[in-house]
């Protein structure tokens, strides 16, 4: 699992206060073999947060039975409600090569790893 840390400059409770909901439904995706998914795999994929919170958003890669030898993941964001401030890797990848490039001007995040 990879992760990006997001700085949240808005109060999500004020956004949620303007909505009517009678039932909570969560669209959690677990990546199929050969695919990648962003967000938690149970409950709310992206947890509500308030101004100034640092939120870790997991990125899951499903290789099936194969070992992950290398990867390139590019994420494009258009949101103005948050700023990506850091990238980290889980313990499983902590001894491997990992490069993260965050271009805040374009909203592009590049994650590159090699075993």
Protein backbone atom coordinates (compact mmCIF):
# COMPACT_ATOMS: atom_id res chain seq x y z
CA UNK A 1 0.00 0.00 0.00
CA UNK A 2 1.24 3.44 -0.91
CA UNK A 3 -0.13 6.60 0.60
CA UNK A 4 -0.35 10.29 -0.05
CA UNK A 5 -0.88 12.86 2.68
CA UNK A 6 -3.39 15.56 1.89
CA UNK A 7 -3.75 18.91 3.65
CA UNK A 8 -7.44 19.76 3.86
CA UNK A 9 -8.15 23.53 3.83
CA UNK A 10 -11.93 23.29 4.15
CA UNK A 11 -14.46 22.18 6.71
CA UNK A 12 -16.30 19.21 5.25
CA UNK A 13 -18.97 19.34 7.95
CA UNK A 14 -20.22 22.63 6.49
CA UNK A 15 -20.52 20.96 3.08
CA UNK A 16 -22.34 17.96 4.55
CA UNK A 17 -24.74 20.21 6.47
CA UNK A 18 -26.31 21.32 3.17
CA UNK A 19 -27.25 17.80 2.10
CA UNK A 20 -30.20 15.55 2.92
CA UNK A 21 -29.39 11.89 3.38
CA UNK A 22 -31.58 9.08 4.56
CA UNK A 23 -29.10 6.27 3.97
CA UNK A 24 -25.32 6.04 3.96
CA UNK A 25 -23.88 4.13 1.01
CA UNK A 26 -20.14 3.74 0.51
CA UNK A 27 -18.60 2.99 -2.87
CA UNK A 28 -15.42 1.20 -1.86
CA UNK A 29 -13.43 -0.41 -4.58
CA UNK A 30 -10.89 -3.15 -4.19
CA UNK A 31 -8.72 -3.17 -7.29
CA UNK A 32 -9.01 -6.08 -9.68
CA UNK A 33 -5.86 -7.95 -10.60
CA UNK A 34 -3.58 -5.56 -12.48
CA UNK A 35 -5.43 -2.49 -11.26
CA UNK A 36 -4.95 0.32 -8.71
CA UNK A 37 -7.47 2.01 -6.39
CA UNK A 38 -7.32 5.11 -4.22
CA UNK A 39 -9.13 5.28 -0.86
CA UNK A 40 -9.98 3.09 2.10
CA UNK A 41 -11.43 -0.35 1.38
CA UNK A 42 -14.10 -0.21 4.10
CA UNK A 43 -16.36 2.54 5.39
CA UNK A 44 -16.03 5.97 3.83
CA UNK A 45 -13.30 5.85 1.12
CA UNK A 46 -12.10 9.36 2.04
CA UNK A 47 -12.69 10.26 5.68
CA UNK A 48 -14.34 13.61 6.47
CA UNK A 49 -11.86 16.15 7.77
CA UNK A 50 -11.65 19.75 8.88
CA UNK A 51 -9.40 22.65 7.97
CA UNK A 52 -5.76 21.87 8.64
CA UNK A 53 -6.16 18.10 9.02
CA UNK A 54 -3.53 15.85 7.49
CA UNK A 55 -5.30 12.89 5.93
CA UNK A 56 -3.58 9.74 4.67
CA UNK A 57 -5.22 8.31 1.55
CA UNK A 58 -4.13 4.74 0.78
CA UNK A 59 -3.39 3.58 -2.74
CA UNK A 60 -3.85 -0.17 -3.28
CA UNK A 61 -2.21 -2.17 -6.07
CA UNK A 62 -3.46 -5.69 -6.85
CA UNK A 63 -0.82 -7.88 -8.51
CA UNK A 64 -2.70 -11.12 -7.93
CA UNK A 65 -0.12 -13.82 -7.19
CA UNK A 66 2.74 -11.91 -8.86
CA UNK A 67 5.38 -9.86 -7.05
CA UNK A 68 5.37 -6.12 -7.62
CA UNK A 69 8.71 -5.36 -9.29
CA UNK A 70 8.12 -1.77 -10.37
CA UNK A 71 5.35 0.75 -10.87
CA UNK A 72 4.54 4.19 -12.21
CA UNK A 73 1.34 5.79 -10.95
CA UNK A 74 0.26 9.22 -12.12
CA UNK A 75 -2.58 11.01 -10.39
CA UNK A 76 -4.16 14.19 -11.71
CA UNK A 77 -6.18 16.33 -9.32
CA UNK A 78 -8.43 19.23 -10.20
CA UNK A 79 -9.68 19.89 -6.69
CA UNK A 80 -8.92 23.24 -5.13
CA UNK A 81 -10.19 21.99 -1.76
CA UNK A 82 -7.00 20.19 -0.79
CA UNK A 83 -3.24 20.16 -1.27
CA UNK A 84 -1.07 17.05 -1.48
CA UNK A 85 1.87 17.61 0.84
CA UNK A 86 3.69 14.27 1.09
CA UNK A 87 3.96 10.70 -0.20
CA UNK A 88 4.87 7.68 1.90
CA UNK A 89 5.09 3.92 1.42
CA UNK A 90 4.01 1.06 3.65
CA UNK A 91 6.47 -1.20 5.45
CA UNK A 92 6.26 -3.75 2.62
CA UNK A 93 7.91 -1.28 0.23
CA UNK A 94 10.01 0.76 2.68
CA UNK A 95 13.35 -0.79 1.64
CA UNK A 96 12.74 -0.39 -2.10
CA UNK A 97 13.28 2.57 -4.41
CA UNK A 98 10.43 5.08 -4.20
CA UNK A 99 10.20 8.50 -5.81
CA UNK A 100 7.32 10.92 -5.42
CA UNK A 101 6.94 14.14 -7.38
CA UNK A 102 4.17 16.55 -6.41
CA UNK A 103 3.54 19.36 -8.89
CA UNK A 104 1.11 21.62 -7.03
CA UNK A 105 0.81 24.03 -9.97
CA UNK A 106 -0.55 21.37 -12.35
CA UNK A 107 -2.13 19.10 -9.73
CA UNK A 108 -0.12 16.10 -10.94
CA UNK A 109 1.39 13.53 -8.58
CA UNK A 110 3.85 10.95 -9.91
CA UNK A 111 4.73 7.87 -7.88
CA UNK A 112 7.55 5.64 -9.13
CA UNK A 113 8.93 2.52 -7.46
CA UNK A 114 11.36 -0.27 -8.25
CA UNK A 115 12.32 -3.37 -6.27
